[in-house]
């Protein structure tokens, strides 16, 4: 997994690429998200467009990050998950937990 962090106004966008699985990137994802939240980034958008696959360990990290965001009075949203990732999110009911967007501009505006 490759992770790139950029700022779009008050929204921190985390661009991810590559699979997020038990052996590939899940701890890096959690560490970076927790660090951003601990540094008072209040609006975080995870761009999953280039993530072809997530496994249960990655979902666990997303859930833990969502909980940590709530504890920090922050908001964590998802952007453009691939069809396969979206199916996984829906199967595990994560679409009820996360606000999921298909358009980056719309997603950024939704934090206002």
N, C-alpha and C. Protein backbone atom coordinates (compact mmCIF):
# COMPACT_ATOMS: atom_id res chain seq x y z
N UNK A 1 0.83 -1.17 0.00
CA UNK A 1 0.00 0.00 0.00
C UNK A 1 0.88 1.24 0.00
N UNK A 2 0.47 2.22 -0.78
CA UNK A 2 1.14 3.51 -0.83
C UNK A 2 0.17 4.55 -0.30
N UNK A 3 0.67 5.45 0.53
CA UNK A 3 -0.17 6.44 1.19
C UNK A 3 0.40 7.83 0.92
N UNK A 4 -0.47 8.75 0.46
CA UNK A 4 -0.07 10.14 0.22
C UNK A 4 -1.07 11.04 0.94
N UNK A 5 -0.57 12.01 1.69
CA UNK A 5 -1.43 12.92 2.45
C UNK A 5 -1.32 14.30 1.84
N UNK A 6 -2.50 14.92 1.58
CA UNK A 6 -2.53 16.28 1.05
C UNK A 6 -3.64 17.06 1.73
N UNK A 7 -3.52 18.38 1.68
CA UNK A 7 -4.50 19.25 2.32
C UNK A 7 -5.31 19.96 1.25
N UNK A 8 -6.64 19.91 1.37
CA UNK A 8 -7.55 20.64 0.49
C UNK A 8 -8.43 21.51 1.38
N UNK A 9 -7.97 22.74 1.63
CA UNK A 9 -8.67 23.61 2.56
C UNK A 9 -8.59 23.02 3.96
N UNK A 10 -9.75 22.86 4.59
CA UNK A 10 -9.77 22.29 5.96
C UNK A 10 -9.83 20.77 5.97
N UNK A 11 -9.80 20.16 4.79
CA UNK A 11 -9.94 18.70 4.67
C UNK A 11 -8.57 18.08 4.37
N UNK A 12 -8.23 17.08 5.15
CA UNK A 12 -7.02 16.30 4.90
C UNK A 12 -7.42 15.10 4.06
N UNK A 13 -6.85 15.01 2.86
CA UNK A 13 -7.16 13.90 1.95
C UNK A 13 -6.01 12.90 2.02
N UNK A 14 -6.37 11.65 2.29
CA UNK A 14 -5.38 10.58 2.34
C UNK A 14 -5.63 9.69 1.12
N UNK A 15 -4.73 9.79 0.13
CA UNK A 15 -4.83 8.99 -1.08
C UNK A 15 -4.13 7.66 -0.84
N UNK A 16 -4.86 6.58 -1.03
CA UNK A 16 -4.30 5.24 -0.83
C UNK A 16 -4.26 4.51 -2.16
N UNK A 17 -3.24 3.67 -2.34
CA UNK A 17 -3.20 2.81 -3.53
C UNK A 17 -2.57 1.48 -3.15
N UNK A 18 -3.07 0.45 -3.81
CA UNK A 18 -2.62 -0.91 -3.53
C UNK A 18 -3.53 -1.58 -2.53
N UNK A 19 -3.42 -2.89 -2.40
CA UNK A 19 -4.28 -3.63 -1.46
C UNK A 19 -3.94 -3.28 -0.01
N UNK A 20 -4.96 -3.35 0.83
CA UNK A 20 -4.75 -3.15 2.27
C UNK A 20 -5.14 -4.47 2.92
N UNK A 21 -4.13 -5.20 3.33
CA UNK A 21 -4.34 -6.54 3.88
C UNK A 21 -3.48 -6.76 5.11
N UNK A 22 -3.64 -7.89 5.73
CA UNK A 22 -2.93 -8.23 6.95
C UNK A 22 -1.43 -7.97 6.83
N UNK A 23 -0.83 -8.34 5.72
CA UNK A 23 0.61 -8.18 5.59
C UNK A 23 1.03 -6.97 4.80
N UNK A 24 0.09 -6.12 4.38
CA UNK A 24 0.46 -5.06 3.44
C UNK A 24 -0.26 -3.75 3.76
N UNK A 25 0.30 -2.99 4.68
CA UNK A 25 -0.14 -1.63 4.84
C UNK A 25 -1.15 -1.31 5.90
N UNK A 26 -1.79 -2.30 6.50
CA UNK A 26 -2.87 -1.96 7.44
C UNK A 26 -2.36 -1.21 8.66
N UNK A 27 -1.19 -1.59 9.17
CA UNK A 27 -0.64 -0.89 10.33
C UNK A 27 -0.19 0.52 9.95
N UNK A 28 0.37 0.68 8.78
CA UNK A 28 0.76 2.00 8.30
C UNK A 28 -0.47 2.90 8.18
N UNK A 29 -1.57 2.35 7.70
CA UNK A 29 -2.81 3.11 7.59
C UNK A 29 -3.26 3.59 8.96
N UNK A 30 -3.33 2.68 9.91
CA UNK A 30 -3.79 3.04 11.26
C UNK A 30 -2.86 4.06 11.91
N UNK A 31 -1.56 3.84 11.82
CA UNK A 31 -0.61 4.76 12.43
C UNK A 31 -0.75 6.16 11.86
N UNK A 32 -0.89 6.27 10.56
CA UNK A 32 -1.02 7.58 9.92
C UNK A 32 -2.34 8.26 10.27
N UNK A 33 -3.44 7.50 10.26
CA UNK A 33 -4.72 8.09 10.61
C UNK A 33 -4.76 8.53 12.07
N UNK A 34 -4.26 7.70 12.97
CA UNK A 34 -4.23 8.08 14.38
C UNK A 34 -3.33 9.31 14.59
N UNK A 35 -2.21 9.37 13.89
CA UNK A 35 -1.31 10.52 14.01
C UNK A 35 -2.01 11.80 13.55
N UNK A 36 -2.70 11.72 12.40
CA UNK A 36 -3.43 12.89 11.90
C UNK A 36 -4.50 13.33 12.90
N UNK A 37 -5.23 12.38 13.43
CA UNK A 37 -6.27 12.71 14.41
C UNK A 37 -5.67 13.30 15.68
N UNK A 38 -4.57 12.75 16.13
CA UNK A 38 -3.91 13.26 17.33
C UNK A 38 -3.30 14.65 17.10
N UNK A 39 -3.05 15.00 15.83
CA UNK A 39 -2.54 16.33 15.47
C UNK A 39 -3.69 17.30 15.15
N UNK A 40 -4.90 16.91 15.54
CA UNK A 40 -6.09 17.77 15.41
C UNK A 40 -6.57 17.99 13.98
N UNK A 41 -6.33 17.05 13.09
CA UNK A 41 -6.96 17.10 11.77
C UNK A 41 -8.41 16.65 11.99
N UNK A 42 -9.35 17.54 11.77
CA UNK A 42 -10.75 17.26 12.13
C UNK A 42 -11.58 16.70 10.98
N UNK A 43 -11.13 16.93 9.75
CA UNK A 43 -11.88 16.44 8.58
C UNK A 43 -10.92 15.62 7.72
N UNK A 44 -11.14 14.30 7.69
CA UNK A 44 -10.25 13.41 6.94
C UNK A 44 -11.07 12.63 5.91
N UNK A 45 -10.57 12.65 4.69
CA UNK A 45 -11.21 11.95 3.57
C UNK A 45 -10.24 10.89 3.06
N UNK A 46 -10.65 9.63 3.15
CA UNK A 46 -9.81 8.52 2.65
C UNK A 46 -10.19 8.22 1.22
N UNK A 47 -9.27 8.45 0.31
CA UNK A 47 -9.50 8.19 -1.11
C UNK A 47 -9.09 6.74 -1.41
N UNK A 48 -10.09 5.91 -1.67
CA UNK A 48 -9.86 4.47 -1.89
C UNK A 48 -9.92 4.08 -3.37
N UNK A 49 -9.89 5.06 -4.25
CA UNK A 49 -10.06 4.80 -5.69
C UNK A 49 -9.08 3.76 -6.23
N UNK A 50 -7.83 3.81 -5.76
CA UNK A 50 -6.80 2.91 -6.27
C UNK A 50 -6.50 1.74 -5.34
N UNK A 51 -7.47 1.41 -4.49
CA UNK A 51 -7.34 0.26 -3.59
C UNK A 51 -8.19 -0.88 -4.16
N UNK A 52 -7.54 -1.91 -4.71
CA UNK A 52 -8.31 -2.98 -5.35
C UNK A 52 -8.94 -3.97 -4.37
N UNK A 53 -8.39 -4.04 -3.15
CA UNK A 53 -8.85 -5.09 -2.23
C UNK A 53 -8.55 -4.68 -0.79
N UNK A 54 -9.50 -4.96 0.09
CA UNK A 54 -9.28 -4.85 1.54
C UNK A 54 -9.70 -6.17 2.17
N UNK A 55 -9.01 -6.56 3.22
CA UNK A 55 -9.41 -7.78 3.92
C UNK A 55 -9.98 -7.41 5.29
N UNK A 56 -10.31 -8.41 6.08
CA UNK A 56 -10.94 -8.16 7.37
C UNK A 56 -10.04 -7.37 8.31
N UNK A 57 -8.72 -7.56 8.21
CA UNK A 57 -7.83 -6.80 9.08
C UNK A 57 -7.86 -5.31 8.71
N UNK A 58 -7.97 -5.01 7.43
CA UNK A 58 -8.08 -3.62 6.99
C UNK A 58 -9.39 -3.01 7.48
N UNK A 59 -10.46 -3.78 7.42
CA UNK A 59 -11.75 -3.29 7.93
C UNK A 59 -11.65 -3.01 9.43
N UNK A 60 -10.93 -3.86 10.15
CA UNK A 60 -10.71 -3.62 11.57
C UNK A 60 -9.99 -2.31 11.81
N UNK A 61 -9.00 -2.02 10.99
CA UNK A 61 -8.25 -0.76 11.12
C UNK A 61 -9.15 0.43 10.78
N UNK A 62 -9.99 0.29 9.77
CA UNK A 62 -10.93 1.36 9.43
C UNK A 62 -11.90 1.60 10.58
N UNK A 63 -12.40 0.53 11.17
CA UNK A 63 -13.32 0.65 12.31
C UNK A 63 -12.65 1.32 13.50
N UNK A 64 -11.42 0.93 13.80
CA UNK A 64 -10.68 1.53 14.91
C UNK A 64 -10.41 3.01 14.64
N UNK A 65 -10.10 3.33 13.39
CA UNK A 65 -9.84 4.73 13.03
C UNK A 65 -11.12 5.55 13.12
N UNK A 66 -12.24 4.98 12.72
CA UNK A 66 -13.52 5.67 12.84
C UNK A 66 -13.83 5.97 14.31
N UNK A 67 -13.61 4.98 15.16
CA UNK A 67 -13.86 5.16 16.60
C UNK A 67 -12.95 6.24 17.18
N UNK A 68 -11.67 6.21 16.79
CA UNK A 68 -10.72 7.21 17.28
C UNK A 68 -11.12 8.60 16.80
N UNK A 69 -11.60 8.70 15.55
CA UNK A 69 -12.06 9.99 15.02
C UNK A 69 -13.22 10.52 15.86
N UNK A 70 -14.16 9.66 16.20
CA UNK A 70 -15.29 10.07 17.03
C UNK A 70 -14.82 10.56 18.39
N UNK A 71 -13.86 9.87 18.97
CA UNK A 71 -13.32 10.26 20.27
C UNK A 71 -12.63 11.61 20.20
N UNK A 72 -12.10 11.97 19.04
CA UNK A 72 -11.39 13.23 18.84
C UNK A 72 -12.31 14.32 18.26
N UNK A 73 -13.62 14.05 18.22
CA UNK A 73 -14.58 14.98 17.62
C UNK A 73 -14.21 15.32 16.19
N UNK A 74 -13.77 14.32 15.46
CA UNK A 74 -13.37 14.46 14.06
C UNK A 74 -14.31 13.64 13.19
N UNK A 75 -14.20 13.88 11.88
CA UNK A 75 -15.04 13.18 10.92
C UNK A 75 -14.14 12.49 9.90
N UNK A 76 -14.41 11.22 9.68
CA UNK A 76 -13.66 10.40 8.73
C UNK A 76 -14.64 9.90 7.68
N UNK A 77 -14.39 10.25 6.41
CA UNK A 77 -15.27 9.84 5.30
C UNK A 77 -14.46 9.09 4.25
N UNK A 78 -15.16 8.35 3.39
CA UNK A 78 -14.52 7.56 2.34
C UNK A 78 -14.86 8.12 0.97
N UNK A 79 -13.91 8.02 0.05
CA UNK A 79 -14.07 8.51 -1.31
C UNK A 79 -13.78 7.41 -2.32
N UNK A 80 -14.67 7.28 -3.27
CA UNK A 80 -14.56 6.42 -4.45
C UNK A 80 -13.95 5.03 -4.23
N UNK A 81 -14.52 4.24 -3.35
CA UNK A 81 -14.02 2.86 -3.26
C UNK A 81 -14.30 2.12 -4.56
N UNK A 82 -13.39 1.24 -4.94
CA UNK A 82 -13.60 0.43 -6.14
C UNK A 82 -14.83 -0.45 -5.93
N UNK A 83 -15.43 -0.96 -7.00
CA UNK A 83 -16.61 -1.81 -6.83
C UNK A 83 -16.39 -2.99 -5.89
N UNK A 84 -15.23 -3.60 -5.96
CA UNK A 84 -14.94 -4.74 -5.09
C UNK A 84 -14.84 -4.31 -3.62
N UNK A 85 -14.17 -3.19 -3.38
CA UNK A 85 -14.06 -2.67 -2.01
C UNK A 85 -15.42 -2.22 -1.50
N UNK A 86 -16.20 -1.57 -2.35
CA UNK A 86 -17.53 -1.13 -1.96
C UNK A 86 -18.40 -2.33 -1.59
N UNK A 87 -18.32 -3.40 -2.36
CA UNK A 87 -19.07 -4.62 -2.04
C UNK A 87 -18.69 -5.14 -0.65
N UNK A 88 -17.40 -5.14 -0.35
CA UNK A 88 -16.93 -5.60 0.96
C UNK A 88 -17.45 -4.68 2.07
N UNK A 89 -17.37 -3.36 1.83
CA UNK A 89 -17.88 -2.41 2.83
C UNK A 89 -19.37 -2.62 3.08
N UNK A 90 -20.13 -2.85 2.02
CA UNK A 90 -21.57 -3.06 2.15
C UNK A 90 -21.87 -4.39 2.84
N UNK A 91 -21.14 -5.42 2.50
CA UNK A 91 -21.34 -6.73 3.11
C UNK A 91 -21.14 -6.67 4.62
N UNK A 92 -20.17 -5.90 5.06
CA UNK A 92 -19.85 -5.79 6.48
C UNK A 92 -20.59 -4.62 7.15
N UNK A 93 -21.50 -3.97 6.40
CA UNK A 93 -22.33 -2.86 6.91
C UNK A 93 -21.51 -1.61 7.25
N UNK A 94 -20.32 -1.49 6.67
CA UNK A 94 -19.52 -0.29 6.89
C UNK A 94 -20.10 0.90 6.14
N UNK A 95 -20.96 0.65 5.15
CA UNK A 95 -21.61 1.76 4.47
C UNK A 95 -22.62 2.45 5.38
N UNK A 96 -23.05 1.78 6.45
CA UNK A 96 -23.90 2.42 7.45
C UNK A 96 -23.06 3.27 8.41
N UNK A 97 -21.80 2.94 8.56
CA UNK A 97 -20.91 3.62 9.48
C UNK A 97 -20.28 4.86 8.83
N UNK A 98 -19.79 4.70 7.62
CA UNK A 98 -19.06 5.76 6.93
C UNK A 98 -19.94 6.48 5.91
N UNK A 99 -19.69 7.78 5.77
CA UNK A 99 -20.26 8.57 4.69
C UNK A 99 -19.35 8.30 3.49
N UNK A 100 -19.91 7.76 2.40
CA UNK A 100 -19.13 7.38 1.22
C UNK A 100 -19.53 8.26 0.04
N UNK A 101 -18.53 8.84 -0.62
CA UNK A 101 -18.76 9.75 -1.75
C UNK A 101 -18.08 9.25 -3.02
N UNK A 102 -18.64 9.66 -4.16
CA UNK A 102 -18.07 9.31 -5.46
C UNK A 102 -17.31 10.45 -6.11
N UNK A 103 -17.49 11.67 -5.59
CA UNK A 103 -16.88 12.85 -6.19
C UNK A 103 -16.09 13.61 -5.13
N UNK A 104 -14.82 13.89 -5.42
CA UNK A 104 -13.97 14.51 -4.41
C UNK A 104 -14.46 15.90 -4.02
N UNK A 105 -14.83 16.72 -4.99
CA UNK A 105 -15.31 18.07 -4.66
C UNK A 105 -16.54 18.04 -3.77
N UNK A 106 -17.47 17.13 -4.11
CA UNK A 106 -18.68 16.96 -3.31
C UNK A 106 -18.34 16.48 -1.90
N UNK A 107 -17.40 15.56 -1.82
CA UNK A 107 -17.00 15.03 -0.51
C UNK A 107 -16.38 16.12 0.34
N UNK A 108 -15.51 16.93 -0.23
CA UNK A 108 -14.89 18.01 0.52
C UNK A 108 -15.93 19.01 0.98
N UNK A 109 -16.86 19.35 0.10
CA UNK A 109 -17.93 20.30 0.45
C UNK A 109 -18.83 19.74 1.57
N UNK A 110 -18.95 18.43 1.65
CA UNK A 110 -19.84 17.82 2.65
C UNK A 110 -19.34 18.02 4.08
N UNK A 111 -18.07 18.38 4.25
CA UNK A 111 -17.54 18.63 5.58
C UNK A 111 -17.96 20.00 6.13
N UNK A 112 -18.40 20.88 5.24
CA UNK A 112 -18.77 22.26 5.65
C UNK A 112 -19.95 22.24 6.58
